[in-house]
C-alpha cells in the first residue's frame, strides 16, 4: 500500500484497503473555524447529543473574520466561544493563534499518520506532515464531533515525482502552480496526490505545506508527503509522541493510478492568471500587467520562510506609488519571529502595511478588498471571480518573491529581473 492507503487502513481497523473501497474511519482531530464553525455547532445541537465524542480532539480557531468587522461576525465568534466553553474545547481566539492551517501544526495538533478533517477545503495542508487530511462540510464536521467517525472512499493515488534544484527566487509555490497548470483544476478529482522525489526530500516544511495546501486546487482529496527528519525537527518540540515514520512510508511495490514527473531545474517564476488557478503562465509570458494591490500572506505563503524571501526582495526599496502592499504573517508565532528578525520593519520602511495574523483579503474579508477594475497579485491559493472583493476585479497568484517584486514596480515582475537593476 501507499501512505494514504496505510493511514486509512489503520483508521478503519483493516489490514489493507484498496482504491474505491468505502471505509468507516476513526478520526484523530477535527477543526472548525469562525466561518464554517457556527454552522457545525448548529448542526451538532440538532443531532441531539449532549457532549462531543472527545473534547481533546476538537480544535476551534478564529481566523477568517478577525477581528470581527460586523455585528454578524461578532455574533458568530460568540457562538464559537460559547461552544468551546460548554464542551471544554481548545479554542484559539483573536490574537491567540492565527490562520487555522498554520496554527494546527504549530500547536501540536497535527501528527504523522493521523486522520484529520477540517471544515475548510485547505485542511489538506497537513499532508505535509504525513497525515491524511482533508476538508469536509460543516454538517459532516458536526457528525464527526458527535461520533468521532466519518466514511471515506479510498482515493486512487497520483505520484507526483519532482527532481532538480530551484533557481534563485523560484519556489515551491511556483512548482505547485506549474503542476496545477499542467494537470488542470479537475486533474486529480477525489484522488490522493503524493509528492515525492529528490526535490521534495530537500524541501522545507514551509514549502511542503504550500504544495499540500494547493493540492485541492486540482481537485485532490488529499495531498501527502512521507514524514522524514525534516518533519521530525519541526514537530518534536510540539507533539508529545511521534509515531514510527518507517511504518508511514509507501511500500516499494505500492500501486499508483499514475505517475507524473516534473523537473524544476529550468523553471521560471509562475503566475496563475484570472480567473482560474490552472490558467498558469511563466512570468515571461504574462505581459505588461499593472497592479493596484500586492498581498503577501495566507495559509499558502504567510510563513516565516515566505516573509524572509519577500523582505529580501523589498529591502531598501519602496512600494510603487498607487500600489497597496499588505503583509499578513500566518500566525502570532510567525509574526513574533518576523518582528524579532526585523522583517516587519523592512516591510514598513518599504511602505507596506503589516496586519495582524488572519486570513485577510484571501476570502473577501474586511481587509484589502478590491474595487471594480483593480488588479491584485497575491500569494494566496485562489483567484476566482469575486474572491477578493469586486466581481470585476482581477487576482493573479504568484510566489512571495514575485509579489514583493511586483509591489516595487507596480506591475507583474520577475524578481530575478528586479535584482539586476542598479
Protein backbone atom coordinates (compact mmCIF):
# COMPACT_ATOMS: atom_id res chain seq x y z
CA UNK A 1 0.00 0.00 0.00
CA UNK A 2 0.97 3.63 -0.35
CA UNK A 3 0.97 6.02 2.60
CA UNK A 4 -2.60 7.24 2.08
CA UNK A 5 -3.91 3.67 1.97
CA UNK A 6 -1.89 2.68 5.04
CA UNK A 7 -3.33 5.53 7.11
CA UNK A 8 -6.92 4.81 6.06
CA UNK A 9 -6.50 1.07 6.65
CA UNK A 10 -5.31 1.68 10.20
CA UNK A 11 -8.07 4.21 10.86
CA UNK A 12 -10.65 1.71 9.65
CA UNK A 13 -9.19 -1.21 11.59
CA UNK A 14 -8.34 -3.12 8.42
CA UNK A 15 -5.16 -4.88 7.30
CA UNK A 16 -5.48 -3.45 3.80
CA UNK A 17 -7.68 -1.17 1.73
CA UNK A 18 -7.99 -0.60 -1.99
CA UNK A 19 -8.95 2.42 -4.14
CA UNK A 20 -12.71 2.73 -4.46
CA UNK A 21 -13.41 0.87 -1.21
CA UNK A 22 -15.72 2.57 1.30
CA UNK A 23 -14.32 2.64 4.83
CA UNK A 24 -15.55 3.92 8.18
CA UNK A 25 -12.55 5.71 9.65
CA UNK A 26 -11.82 6.80 13.19
CA UNK A 27 -10.88 10.47 13.20
CA UNK A 28 -7.93 11.77 15.23
CA UNK A 29 -8.64 15.51 15.05
CA UNK A 30 -11.40 17.76 13.72
CA UNK A 31 -11.02 21.51 13.21
CA UNK A 32 -13.64 24.20 12.67
CA UNK A 33 -13.19 27.95 12.25
CA UNK A 34 -15.37 31.03 12.56
CA UNK A 35 -16.76 30.88 9.02
CA UNK A 36 -17.81 27.21 8.99
CA UNK A 37 -17.86 26.52 12.72
CA UNK A 38 -21.14 28.19 13.71
CA UNK A 39 -22.98 26.06 11.12
CA UNK A 40 -21.28 22.97 12.53
CA UNK A 41 -22.28 23.96 16.07
CA UNK A 42 -25.90 24.45 14.97
CA UNK A 43 -25.93 21.05 13.24
CA UNK A 44 -24.31 19.39 16.27
CA UNK A 45 -27.09 20.69 18.51
CA UNK A 46 -29.72 19.33 16.11
CA UNK A 47 -28.15 15.85 16.33
CA UNK A 48 -29.25 15.82 19.94
CA UNK A 49 -26.19 14.52 21.78
CA UNK A 50 -25.14 16.47 24.83
CA UNK A 51 -21.37 16.10 24.64
CA UNK A 52 -18.81 15.79 21.88
CA UNK A 53 -17.19 12.40 21.38
CA UNK A 54 -13.77 13.58 22.64
CA UNK A 55 -13.11 17.13 23.77
CA UNK A 56 -9.33 16.68 23.39
CA UNK A 57 -9.61 16.06 19.65
CA UNK A 58 -11.66 19.08 18.57
CA UNK A 59 -9.99 22.39 17.81
CA UNK A 60 -11.72 25.75 17.24
CA UNK A 61 -9.88 28.63 15.58
CA UNK A 62 -11.00 32.18 14.82
CA UNK A 63 -9.19 33.44 11.72
CA UNK A 64 -11.44 34.36 8.79
CA UNK A 65 -13.25 37.47 10.01
CA UNK A 66 -10.71 38.59 12.58
CA UNK A 67 -11.08 40.93 14.30
CA UNK A 68 -14.85 41.00 13.84
CA UNK A 69 -15.76 43.62 11.24
CA UNK A 70 -19.53 43.47 11.76
CA UNK A 71 -22.11 42.64 14.38
CA UNK A 72 -22.87 39.45 12.43
CA UNK A 73 -19.24 38.35 12.60
CA UNK A 74 -19.10 39.19 16.30
CA UNK A 75 -22.19 37.04 16.91
CA UNK A 76 -20.58 34.11 15.05
CA UNK A 77 -17.47 34.47 17.19
CA UNK A 78 -19.68 34.48 20.29
CA UNK A 79 -21.25 31.16 19.20
CA UNK A 80 -17.79 29.62 18.84
CA UNK A 81 -16.61 30.87 22.24
CA UNK A 82 -19.74 29.62 23.98
CA UNK A 83 -19.50 26.18 22.34
CA UNK A 84 -15.85 25.91 23.39
CA UNK A 85 -16.82 26.82 26.95
CA UNK A 86 -19.80 24.44 27.09
CA UNK A 87 -17.83 21.49 25.70
CA UNK A 88 -14.45 22.36 27.27
CA UNK A 89 -12.70 22.58 23.88
CA UNK A 90 -9.44 24.14 22.78
CA UNK A 91 -10.14 27.49 21.10
CA UNK A 92 -7.60 29.87 19.58
CA UNK A 93 -9.32 33.22 19.86
CA UNK A 94 -8.44 36.57 18.28
CA UNK A 95 -4.78 37.33 18.97
CA UNK A 96 -4.12 33.85 20.38
CA UNK A 97 -3.36 31.89 17.23
CA UNK A 98 -3.65 33.00 13.62
CA UNK A 99 -4.65 31.23 10.41
CA UNK A 100 -6.01 27.77 11.20
CA UNK A 101 -3.74 25.79 8.87
CA UNK A 102 -0.63 27.38 10.36
CA UNK A 103 -1.82 27.15 13.95
CA UNK A 104 -2.78 23.46 13.82
CA UNK A 105 0.76 22.09 13.26
CA UNK A 106 2.41 24.85 15.30
CA UNK A 107 0.36 23.96 18.36
CA UNK A 108 0.92 20.22 18.04
CA UNK A 109 -2.48 19.16 16.69
CA UNK A 110 -1.01 17.52 13.58
CA UNK A 111 0.71 14.14 13.82
CA UNK A 112 2.10 11.92 11.03
CA UNK A 113 -0.26 9.04 10.30
CA UNK A 114 -3.29 10.81 11.77
CA UNK A 115 -6.67 11.23 10.10
CA UNK A 116 -7.52 14.92 10.33
CA UNK A 117 -10.65 16.57 8.98
CA UNK A 118 -11.48 20.24 8.97
CA UNK A 119 -14.44 22.31 7.87
CA UNK A 120 -12.20 24.09 5.37
CA UNK A 121 -11.05 22.89 1.96
CA UNK A 122 -7.38 23.65 2.62
CA UNK A 123 -7.21 21.21 5.54
CA UNK A 124 -5.17 19.12 3.08
CA UNK A 125 -2.21 21.32 4.14
CA UNK A 126 -1.45 18.88 6.98
CA UNK A 127 -0.49 16.20 4.48
CA UNK A 128 2.89 17.95 4.53
CA UNK A 129 3.47 16.13 7.83
CA UNK A 130 2.44 12.69 6.59
CA UNK A 131 -1.15 12.90 7.82
CA UNK A 132 -4.28 12.05 5.85
CA UNK A 133 -6.00 15.42 5.99
CA UNK A 134 -8.98 16.63 4.01
CA UNK A 135 -11.71 19.23 4.07
CA UNK A 136 -15.32 18.38 4.93
CA UNK A 137 -18.60 20.29 5.20
CA UNK A 138 -19.99 21.86 8.34
CA UNK A 139 -22.70 19.20 8.84
CA UNK A 140 -20.10 16.47 8.34
CA UNK A 141 -17.95 18.18 10.98
CA UNK A 142 -20.94 18.12 13.33
CA UNK A 143 -21.34 14.37 12.80
CA UNK A 144 -17.64 13.81 13.46
CA UNK A 145 -17.83 15.87 16.65
CA UNK A 146 -20.70 13.64 17.78
CA UNK A 147 -19.30 10.24 16.74
CA UNK A 148 -15.55 10.52 16.09
CA UNK A 149 -16.04 8.74 12.77
CA UNK A 150 -16.50 9.50 9.09
CA UNK A 151 -16.72 7.41 5.93
CA UNK A 152 -14.31 7.79 3.03
CA UNK A 153 -13.98 6.24 -0.37
CA UNK A 154 -10.31 5.24 -0.55
CA UNK A 155 -8.84 7.51 -3.24
CA UNK A 156 -6.60 6.30 -6.05
CA UNK A 157 -3.18 7.95 -5.80
CA UNK A 158 -1.21 10.01 -8.30
CA UNK A 159 2.52 10.01 -7.58
CA UNK A 160 3.99 13.45 -8.28
CA UNK A 161 7.72 12.89 -8.63
CA UNK A 162 9.86 16.05 -8.58
CA UNK A 163 13.58 16.42 -9.26
CA UNK A 164 16.05 19.25 -9.82
CA UNK A 165 17.19 22.32 -7.91
CA UNK A 166 15.24 25.57 -7.81
CA UNK A 167 16.87 28.64 -9.32
CA UNK A 168 17.01 31.76 -7.16
CA UNK A 169 13.57 33.25 -6.49
CA UNK A 170 11.82 30.17 -7.86
CA UNK A 171 9.92 28.48 -5.04
CA UNK A 172 7.60 25.60 -4.11
CA UNK A 173 4.71 27.97 -4.89
CA UNK A 174 5.94 28.22 -8.47
CA UNK A 175 6.16 24.43 -8.59
CA UNK A 176 2.61 23.81 -7.42
CA UNK A 177 1.24 26.47 -9.77
CA UNK A 178 3.11 24.76 -12.62
CA UNK A 179 1.76 21.34 -11.62
CA UNK A 180 -1.82 22.63 -11.43
CA UNK A 181 -1.36 24.39 -14.76
CA UNK A 182 -0.33 21.10 -16.37
CA UNK A 183 -2.89 18.86 -14.64
CA UNK A 184 -5.85 21.25 -14.60
CA UNK A 185 -8.32 22.08 -11.85
CA UNK A 186 -10.02 18.72 -12.45
CA UNK A 187 -6.83 16.69 -12.93
CA UNK A 188 -6.96 14.90 -9.57
CA UNK A 189 -10.61 14.91 -8.51
CA UNK A 190 -11.08 12.65 -5.46
CA UNK A 191 -7.55 11.35 -5.79
CA UNK A 192 -4.56 11.49 -3.46
CA UNK A 193 -1.56 13.47 -4.66
CA UNK A 194 1.62 12.00 -3.16
CA UNK A 195 4.55 14.36 -3.61
CA UNK A 196 7.92 12.62 -3.73
CA UNK A 197 11.35 12.72 -5.32
CA UNK A 198 14.72 14.37 -4.58
CA UNK A 199 13.35 17.94 -4.69
CA UNK A 200 10.65 17.15 -2.13
CA UNK A 201 13.12 15.42 0.20
CA UNK A 202 15.24 18.59 0.28
CA UNK A 203 12.24 20.89 0.68
CA UNK A 204 11.48 22.73 3.91
CA UNK A 205 8.30 22.16 5.91
CA UNK A 206 7.03 25.54 4.74
CA UNK A 207 7.48 24.53 1.11
CA UNK A 208 5.81 21.16 1.67
CA UNK A 209 2.85 22.88 3.30
CA UNK A 210 2.47 25.09 0.23
CA UNK A 211 2.35 22.04 -2.06
CA UNK A 212 -0.19 20.13 0.02
CA UNK A 213 -2.23 23.27 0.67
CA UNK A 214 -2.90 23.69 -3.05
CA UNK A 215 -3.43 20.01 -3.88
CA UNK A 216 -7.15 20.68 -3.58
CA UNK A 217 -6.87 23.24 -6.40
CA UNK A 218 -6.51 20.34 -8.85
CA UNK A 219 -9.37 18.51 -7.19
CA UNK A 220 -7.33 16.22 -4.94
CA UNK A 221 -8.93 14.61 -1.91
CA UNK A 222 -5.62 14.98 -0.11
CA UNK A 223 -2.01 15.92 -0.71
CA UNK A 224 0.63 14.00 1.23
CA UNK A 225 4.37 13.70 1.76
CA UNK A 226 6.14 10.92 3.65
CA UNK A 227 7.39 12.12 7.06
CA UNK A 228 11.18 12.28 7.49
CA UNK A 229 13.81 14.07 9.58
CA UNK A 230 12.62 17.46 8.35
CA UNK A 231 9.16 16.57 9.68
CA UNK A 232 10.64 15.34 12.95
CA UNK A 233 12.63 18.53 13.54
CA UNK A 234 9.53 20.67 13.17
CA UNK A 235 7.25 18.51 15.31
CA UNK A 236 9.49 17.07 18.02
CA UNK A 237 9.05 20.05 20.37
CA UNK A 238 5.35 20.42 19.51
CA UNK A 239 3.94 16.87 19.61
CA UNK A 240 4.18 14.70 22.73
CA UNK A 241 4.73 11.38 20.96
CA UNK A 242 5.69 10.85 17.32
CA UNK A 243 4.83 7.58 15.54
CA UNK A 244 7.21 5.23 13.73
CA UNK A 245 7.93 7.06 10.48
CA UNK A 246 9.10 3.86 8.75
CA UNK A 247 5.58 2.46 9.04
CA UNK A 248 4.30 5.50 7.16
CA UNK A 249 6.39 5.06 4.04
CA UNK A 250 4.77 3.86 0.85
CA UNK A 251 5.75 0.27 0.08
CA UNK A 252 8.20 -0.15 -2.78
CA UNK A 253 5.62 -2.19 -4.65
CA UNK A 254 2.73 0.18 -3.84
CA UNK A 255 0.27 0.70 -6.67
CA UNK A 256 -0.43 4.13 -8.12
CA UNK A 257 -3.04 5.16 -10.63
CA UNK A 258 -0.39 7.18 -12.46
CA UNK A 259 2.98 8.87 -12.02
CA UNK A 260 3.79 12.35 -13.26
CA UNK A 261 7.33 13.73 -13.45
CA UNK A 262 8.48 17.32 -13.03
CA UNK A 263 11.94 18.91 -13.18
CA UNK A 264 12.32 22.34 -11.56
CA UNK A 265 15.87 23.00 -12.81
CA UNK A 266 14.86 25.39 -15.59
CA UNK A 267 11.58 26.56 -14.14
CA UNK A 268 10.98 30.31 -14.03
CA UNK A 269 8.52 32.12 -11.72
CA UNK A 270 4.92 31.13 -12.48
CA UNK A 271 1.72 33.17 -12.38
CA UNK A 272 -1.88 31.93 -12.24
CA UNK A 273 -3.84 34.47 -14.26
CA UNK A 274 -7.54 35.37 -13.79
CA UNK A 275 -9.79 33.72 -13.05
CA UNK A 276 -8.74 30.09 -12.63
CA UNK A 277 -5.88 28.52 -10.69
CA UNK A 278 -4.89 26.41 -13.70
CA UNK A 279 -4.58 29.42 -16.02
CA UNK A 280 -0.83 29.35 -15.36
CA UNK A 281 1.90 31.03 -17.40
CA UNK A 282 5.61 31.60 -16.84
CA UNK A 283 6.01 35.23 -15.85
CA UNK A 284 7.90 35.96 -19.08
CA UNK A 285 4.68 35.27 -20.98
CA UNK A 286 2.24 37.19 -18.80
CA UNK A 287 2.79 40.57 -20.45
CA UNK A 288 2.50 44.07 -19.04
CA UNK A 289 0.01 43.83 -16.14
CA UNK A 290 -0.40 46.83 -13.85
CA UNK A 291 -1.43 46.12 -10.26
CA UNK A 292 -3.11 48.20 -7.57
CA UNK A 293 -2.52 45.73 -4.72
CA UNK A 294 0.05 43.17 -3.63
CA UNK A 295 -0.77 40.67 -0.88
CA UNK A 296 1.81 38.55 0.95
CA UNK A 297 0.23 36.12 3.40
CA UNK A 298 -2.49 33.44 3.67
CA UNK A 299 -2.35 29.76 4.66
CA UNK A 300 -0.38 29.18 1.46
CA UNK A 301 2.50 31.63 1.84
CA UNK A 302 2.37 33.54 5.11
CA UNK A 303 5.10 31.55 6.86
CA UNK A 304 8.43 32.85 8.13
CA UNK A 305 10.31 31.47 5.12
CA UNK A 306 7.93 33.36 2.82
CA UNK A 307 8.33 36.62 4.73
CA UNK A 308 12.10 36.29 4.69
CA UNK A 309 12.06 35.89 0.92
CA UNK A 310 9.73 38.84 0.38
CA UNK A 311 11.82 41.02 2.72
CA UNK A 312 14.97 40.07 0.83
CA UNK A 313 13.38 41.38 -2.36
CA UNK A 314 11.91 44.53 -0.79
CA UNK A 315 14.77 45.58 1.46
CA UNK A 316 15.94 49.12 0.76
CA UNK A 317 13.23 49.69 -1.87
CA UNK A 318 9.87 51.44 -1.87
CA UNK A 319 6.43 50.20 -2.82
CA UNK A 320 5.34 51.89 -6.05
CA UNK A 321 3.04 54.89 -5.65
CA UNK A 322 -0.51 53.79 -6.34
CA UNK A 323 0.11 50.26 -5.04
CA UNK A 324 -1.21 48.97 -1.72
CA UNK A 325 1.08 46.30 -0.27
CA UNK A 326 -0.35 44.12 2.51
CA UNK A 327 1.75 41.72 4.58
CA UNK A 328 -0.05 39.31 6.92
CA UNK A 329 2.01 36.76 8.89
CA UNK A 330 0.21 33.41 9.09
CA UNK A 331 0.24 33.20 12.88
CA UNK A 332 1.14 35.06 16.04
CA UNK A 333 4.22 32.84 16.31
CA UNK A 334 5.32 33.77 12.80
CA UNK A 335 4.51 37.45 13.46
CA UNK A 336 6.70 37.46 16.56
CA UNK A 337 9.61 35.71 14.82
CA UNK A 338 9.37 38.05 11.82
CA UNK A 339 9.40 41.03 14.15
CA UNK A 340 12.44 39.74 16.05
CA UNK A 341 14.31 39.26 12.76
CA UNK A 342 13.50 42.81 11.63
CA UNK A 343 11.41 41.63 8.67
CA UNK A 344 8.35 43.65 9.60
CA UNK A 345 10.46 46.81 9.80
CA UNK A 346 11.69 46.16 6.26
CA UNK A 347 8.11 45.94 5.03
CA UNK A 348 7.06 49.07 6.89
CA UNK A 349 10.07 51.02 5.64
CA UNK A 350 9.17 49.95 2.10
CA UNK A 351 5.67 51.40 2.51
CA UNK A 352 3.72 48.20 3.11
CA UNK A 353 1.12 47.74 5.83
CA UNK A 354 1.60 44.82 8.23
CA UNK A 355 -1.65 43.42 9.60
CA UNK A 356 -2.50 41.02 12.40
CA UNK A 357 -2.44 37.29 11.74
CA UNK A 358 -5.67 36.35 9.96
CA UNK A 359 -6.97 35.31 6.55
CA UNK A 360 -7.34 38.93 5.45
CA UNK A 361 -8.27 39.53 1.80
CA UNK A 362 -7.93 35.88 0.75
CA UNK A 363 -11.65 35.14 1.11
CA UNK A 364 -13.02 38.64 0.64
CA UNK A 365 -12.55 39.53 4.29
CA UNK A 366 -12.71 43.06 5.61
CA UNK A 367 -9.03 43.79 4.94
CA UNK A 368 -7.78 44.57 1.45
CA UNK A 369 -10.85 44.26 -0.75
CA UNK A 370 -10.56 45.21 -4.41
CA UNK A 371 -12.69 47.71 -6.32
CA UNK A 372 -14.01 47.14 -9.83
CA UNK A 373 -11.26 47.21 -12.44
CA UNK A 374 -8.44 46.76 -9.93
CA UNK A 375 -5.82 44.00 -10.03
CA UNK A 376 -4.03 42.25 -7.19
CA UNK A 377 -1.08 39.87 -7.22
CA UNK A 378 -1.37 37.54 -4.26
CA UNK A 379 0.46 34.69 -2.57
CA UNK A 380 -2.86 33.04 -1.71
CA UNK A 381 -4.38 29.95 -3.33
CA UNK A 382 -7.45 31.02 -5.31
CA UNK A 383 -8.20 33.69 -7.89
CA UNK A 384 -11.87 33.03 -8.62
CA UNK A 385 -14.17 35.87 -9.69
CA UNK A 386 -15.19 37.86 -6.61
CA UNK A 387 -12.72 36.04 -4.38
CA UNK A 388 -11.12 39.27 -3.17
CA UNK A 389 -13.89 41.82 -3.47
CA UNK A 390 -15.49 43.12 -6.65
CA UNK A 391 -16.52 40.58 -9.28
CA UNK A 392 -14.95 42.99 -11.76
CA UNK A 393 -11.51 42.84 -10.12
CA UNK A 394 -8.66 40.55 -11.21
CA UNK A 395 -6.47 38.36 -8.99
CA UNK A 396 -3.13 36.88 -10.03
CA UNK A 397 -1.40 34.21 -7.93
CA UNK A 398 2.36 34.07 -7.51
CA UNK A 399 5.19 33.42 -5.05
CA UNK A 400 6.23 35.80 -2.25
CA UNK A 401 9.29 36.84 -4.26
CA UNK A 402 7.20 37.69 -7.34
CA UNK A 403 4.58 39.53 -5.30
CA UNK A 404 7.26 41.57 -3.50
CA UNK A 405 8.97 42.49 -6.77
CA UNK A 406 5.64 43.46 -8.31
CA UNK A 407 4.81 45.70 -5.35
CA UNK A 408 8.03 47.63 -6.01
CA UNK A 409 7.48 48.11 -9.74
CA UNK A 410 3.69 48.40 -9.80
CA UNK A 411 3.32 45.64 -12.38
CA UNK A 412 3.83 41.89 -12.53
CA UNK A 413 7.59 41.49 -12.29
CA UNK A 414 10.11 38.66 -12.38
CA UNK A 415 12.05 39.04 -9.11
CA UNK A 416 15.27 37.97 -10.83
CA UNK A 417 14.93 40.90 -13.22
CA UNK A 418 14.34 43.34 -10.36
CA UNK A 419 17.55 42.17 -8.69
CA UNK A 420 19.62 43.05 -11.76
CA UNK A 421 18.64 46.72 -11.69
CA UNK A 422 21.21 49.10 -10.17
